[in-house]
C-alpha atoms as a PDB file:
ATOM      1  CA  UNK A   1      -0.404   1.022   8.199  1.00  0.00           C
ATOM      2  CA  UNK A   2       1.987  -1.879   8.856  1.00  0.00           C
ATOM      3  CA  UNK A   3       3.534  -3.749   5.961  1.00  0.00           C
ATOM      4  CA  UNK A   4       4.960  -7.261   5.856  1.00  0.00           C
ATOM      5  CA  UNK A   5       6.961  -8.285   2.800  1.00  0.00           C
ATOM      6  CA  UNK A   6       7.630 -11.923   2.029  1.00  0.00           C
ATOM      7  CA  UNK A   7       8.536 -14.290  -0.793  1.00  0.00           C
ATOM      8  CA  UNK A   8      12.209 -13.556  -1.319  1.00  0.00           C
ATOM      9  CA  UNK A   9      14.814 -16.235  -1.811  1.00  0.00           C
ATOM     10  CA  UNK A  10      17.457 -17.586  -4.138  1.00  0.00           C
ATOM     11  CA  UNK A  11      16.640 -18.280  -7.768  1.00  0.00           C
ATOM     12  CA  UNK A  12      18.643 -19.110 -10.844  1.00  0.00           C
ATOM     13  CA  UNK A  13      19.042 -16.621 -13.644  1.00  0.00           C
ATOM     14  CA  UNK A  14      15.928 -16.729 -15.797  1.00  0.00           C
ATOM     15  CA  UNK A  15      13.760 -17.998 -12.972  1.00  0.00           C
ATOM     16  CA  UNK A  16      10.753 -16.496 -11.233  1.00  0.00           C
ATOM     17  CA  UNK A  17       9.711 -15.391  -7.776  1.00  0.00           C
ATOM     18  CA  UNK A  18       6.566 -13.815  -6.395  1.00  0.00           C
ATOM     19  CA  UNK A  19       6.800 -11.317  -3.568  1.00  0.00           C
ATOM     20  CA  UNK A  20       3.866 -10.387  -1.368  1.00  0.00           C
ATOM     21  CA  UNK A  21       3.240  -7.267   0.698  1.00  0.00           C
ATOM     22  CA  UNK A  22       0.522  -7.666   3.306  1.00  0.00           C
ATOM     23  CA  UNK A  23      -0.913  -4.509   4.851  1.00  0.00           C
ATOM     24  CA  UNK A  24      -2.619  -4.195   8.200  1.00  0.00           C
ATOM     25  CA  UNK A  25      -3.866  -1.303  10.276  1.00  0.00           C
ATOM     26  CA  UNK A  26      -4.999   1.921   8.639  1.00  0.00           C
ATOM     27  CA  UNK A  27      -4.974   0.538   5.098  1.00  0.00           C
ATOM     28  CA  UNK A  28      -7.087   3.460   3.902  1.00  0.00           C
ATOM     29  CA  UNK A  29      -3.909   5.577   3.931  1.00  0.00           C
ATOM     30  CA  UNK A  30      -2.181   3.066   1.673  1.00  0.00           C
ATOM     31  CA  UNK A  31      -3.670   4.336  -1.563  1.00  0.00           C
ATOM     32  CA  UNK A  32      -0.387   3.746  -3.384  1.00  0.00           C
ATOM     33  CA  UNK A  33       1.758   0.700  -2.748  1.00  0.00           C
ATOM     34  CA  UNK A  34       5.172   0.515  -4.330  1.00  0.00           C
ATOM     35  CA  UNK A  35       8.095  -1.843  -4.495  1.00  0.00           C
ATOM     36  CA  UNK A  36      11.641  -0.595  -4.170  1.00  0.00           C
ATOM     37  CA  UNK A  37      14.902  -2.494  -4.134  1.00  0.00           C
ATOM     38  CA  UNK A  38      18.424  -1.896  -2.984  1.00  0.00           C
ATOM     39  CA  UNK A  39      21.353  -3.829  -4.349  1.00  0.00           C
ATOM     40  CA  UNK A  40      24.544  -4.151  -2.303  1.00  0.00           C
ATOM     41  CA  UNK A  41      26.509  -0.933  -2.470  1.00  0.00           C
ATOM     42  CA  UNK A  42      23.845   0.881  -4.479  1.00  0.00           C
ATOM     43  CA  UNK A  43      21.112   3.394  -3.864  1.00  0.00           C
ATOM     44  CA  UNK A  44      17.565   2.248  -3.311  1.00  0.00           C
ATOM     45  CA  UNK A  45      15.573   2.371  -6.549  1.00  0.00           C
ATOM     46  CA  UNK A  46      11.936   2.311  -7.510  1.00  0.00           C
ATOM     47  CA  UNK A  47      10.634  -0.880  -9.097  1.00  0.00           C
ATOM     48  CA  UNK A  48       6.865  -0.657  -9.514  1.00  0.00           C
ATOM     49  CA  UNK A  49       3.739   0.785  -7.956  1.00  0.00           C
ATOM     50  CA  UNK A  50       0.013   0.218  -7.988  1.00  0.00           C
ATOM     51  CA  UNK A  51      -2.805   2.439  -6.810  1.00  0.00           C
ATOM     52  CA  UNK A  52      -5.936   1.247  -5.069  1.00  0.00           C
ATOM     53  CA  UNK A  53      -7.739   2.187  -8.267  1.00  0.00           C
ATOM     54  CA  UNK A  54      -5.497  -0.160 -10.269  1.00  0.00           C
ATOM     55  CA  UNK A  55      -3.157   2.314 -11.979  1.00  0.00           C
ATOM     56  CA  UNK A  56       0.232   0.682 -12.455  1.00  0.00           C
ATOM     57  CA  UNK A  57       3.686   2.050 -13.211  1.00  0.00           C
ATOM     58  CA  UNK A  58       6.987   0.222 -13.723  1.00  0.00           C
ATOM     59  CA  UNK A  59      10.620   1.167 -13.823  1.00  0.00           C
ATOM     60  CA  UNK A  60      12.044   0.721 -17.315  1.00  0.00           C
ATOM     61  CA  UNK A  61      14.460  -1.917 -16.044  1.00  0.00           C
ATOM     62  CA  UNK A  62      11.641  -4.320 -15.118  1.00  0.00           C
ATOM     63  CA  UNK A  63       9.003  -3.604 -17.782  1.00  0.00           C
ATOM     64  CA  UNK A  64       7.874  -6.761 -19.503  1.00  0.00           C
ATOM     65  CA  UNK A  65       9.374  -8.979 -16.794  1.00  0.00           C
ATOM     66  CA  UNK A  66       7.686  -7.904 -13.554  1.00  0.00           C
ATOM     67  CA  UNK A  67       3.973  -7.644 -12.866  1.00  0.00           C
ATOM     68  CA  UNK A  68       2.459  -5.878  -9.880  1.00  0.00           C
ATOM     69  CA  UNK A  69      -1.073  -6.720  -8.777  1.00  0.00           C
ATOM     70  CA  UNK A  70      -3.277  -6.154  -5.795  1.00  0.00           C
ATOM     71  CA  UNK A  71      -5.923  -8.046  -3.889  1.00  0.00           C
ATOM     72  CA  UNK A  72      -7.955  -5.414  -2.048  1.00  0.00           C
ATOM     73  CA  UNK A  73      -9.935  -8.052  -0.149  1.00  0.00           C
ATOM     74  CA  UNK A  74      -6.705  -9.439   1.313  1.00  0.00           C
ATOM     75  CA  UNK A  75      -4.948  -6.044   1.587  1.00  0.00           C
ATOM     76  CA  UNK A  76      -2.041  -7.617  -0.231  1.00  0.00           C
ATOM     77  CA  UNK A  77       0.048  -6.453  -3.171  1.00  0.00           C
ATOM     78  CA  UNK A  78       2.092  -8.910  -5.198  1.00  0.00           C
ATOM     79  CA  UNK A  79       5.153  -8.539  -7.375  1.00  0.00           C
ATOM     80  CA  UNK A  80       5.537 -11.364  -9.872  1.00  0.00           C
ATOM     81  CA  UNK A  81       9.110 -11.387 -11.129  1.00  0.00           C
ATOM     82  CA  UNK A  82       9.945 -13.399 -14.237  1.00  0.00           C
ATOM     83  CA  UNK A  83      13.087 -13.748 -16.354  1.00  0.00           C
ATOM     84  CA  UNK A  84      15.173 -12.712 -13.392  1.00  0.00           C
ATOM     85  CA  UNK A  85      18.669 -11.395 -13.963  1.00  0.00           C
ATOM     86  CA  UNK A  86      21.639 -11.117 -11.633  1.00  0.00           C
ATOM     87  CA  UNK A  87      21.126  -7.362 -11.550  1.00  0.00           C
ATOM     88  CA  UNK A  88      17.716  -7.942  -9.955  1.00  0.00           C
ATOM     89  CA  UNK A  89      19.489  -9.140  -6.801  1.00  0.00           C
ATOM     90  CA  UNK A  90      18.776  -6.982  -3.780  1.00  0.00           C
ATOM     91  CA  UNK A  91      16.643  -6.290  -0.770  1.00  0.00           C
ATOM     92  CA  UNK A  92      13.090  -5.628  -1.887  1.00  0.00           C
ATOM     93  CA  UNK A  93      10.899  -3.315   0.149  1.00  0.00           C
ATOM     94  CA  UNK A  94       7.246  -2.507  -0.149  1.00  0.00           C
ATOM     95  CA  UNK A  95       6.019   0.911   0.836  1.00  0.00           C
ATOM     96  CA  UNK A  96       2.639   2.573   1.120  1.00  0.00           C
ATOM     97  CA  UNK A  97       1.446   6.141   1.022  1.00  0.00           C
ATOM     98  CA  UNK A  98      -1.317   8.518   0.156  1.00  0.00           C
ATOM     99  CA  UNK A  99       0.545   9.882  -2.873  1.00  0.00           C
ATOM    100  CA  UNK A 100       2.776   8.233  -5.502  1.00  0.00           C
ATOM    101  CA  UNK A 101       5.732  10.305  -4.376  1.00  0.00           C
ATOM    102  CA  UNK A 102       5.729  10.148  -0.577  1.00  0.00           C
ATOM    103  CA  UNK A 103       5.624   6.783   1.158  1.00  0.00           C
ATOM    104  CA  UNK A 104       5.057   6.972   4.895  1.00  0.00           C
ATOM    105  CA  UNK A 105       5.032   3.257   5.695  1.00  0.00           C
ATOM    106  CA  UNK A 106       7.724   0.740   4.840  1.00  0.00           C
ATOM    107  CA  UNK A 107       7.995  -2.997   5.227  1.00  0.00           C
ATOM    108  CA  UNK A 108      11.097  -4.737   6.545  1.00  0.00           C
ATOM    109  CA  UNK A 109      12.404  -5.957   3.183  1.00  0.00           C
ATOM    110  CA  UNK A 110      12.802  -9.386   1.680  1.00  0.00           C
ATOM    111  CA  UNK A 111      16.038 -10.546   0.054  1.00  0.00           C
ATOM    112  CA  UNK A 112      16.118 -11.696  -3.549  1.00  0.00           C
ATOM    113  CA  UNK A 113      19.279 -13.359  -4.841  1.00  0.00           C
ATOM    114  CA  UNK A 114      19.624 -14.242  -8.514  1.00  0.00           C
ATOM    115  CA  UNK A 115      22.609 -16.212  -9.705  1.00  0.00           C
ATOM    116  CA  UNK A 116      23.539 -18.882 -12.213  1.00  0.00           C
END
């Protein structure tokens, strides 16, 4: 499956952005779609994931602020990010896989910059 992430940009602290991850190709293998992010100089970290069945899981750092959702008809997963903080700055990747642990397909990343 091929993934295309979009929606990044610059936003002020406290603002919102919505990222999209569009899947094409063998989408049947993309049972789990997750968002990861990597801040400058830091390790990549998990943000949120959703299964094709609708099960959702968030990292503690984004609970209550981020919402992940999927549109199966459009093969697209969204990440609505509200109340953004400077520490949310980073390159956001979407990834897909058959299990919640191993992700075999990765998108190219979309940059999110949060500042005052």
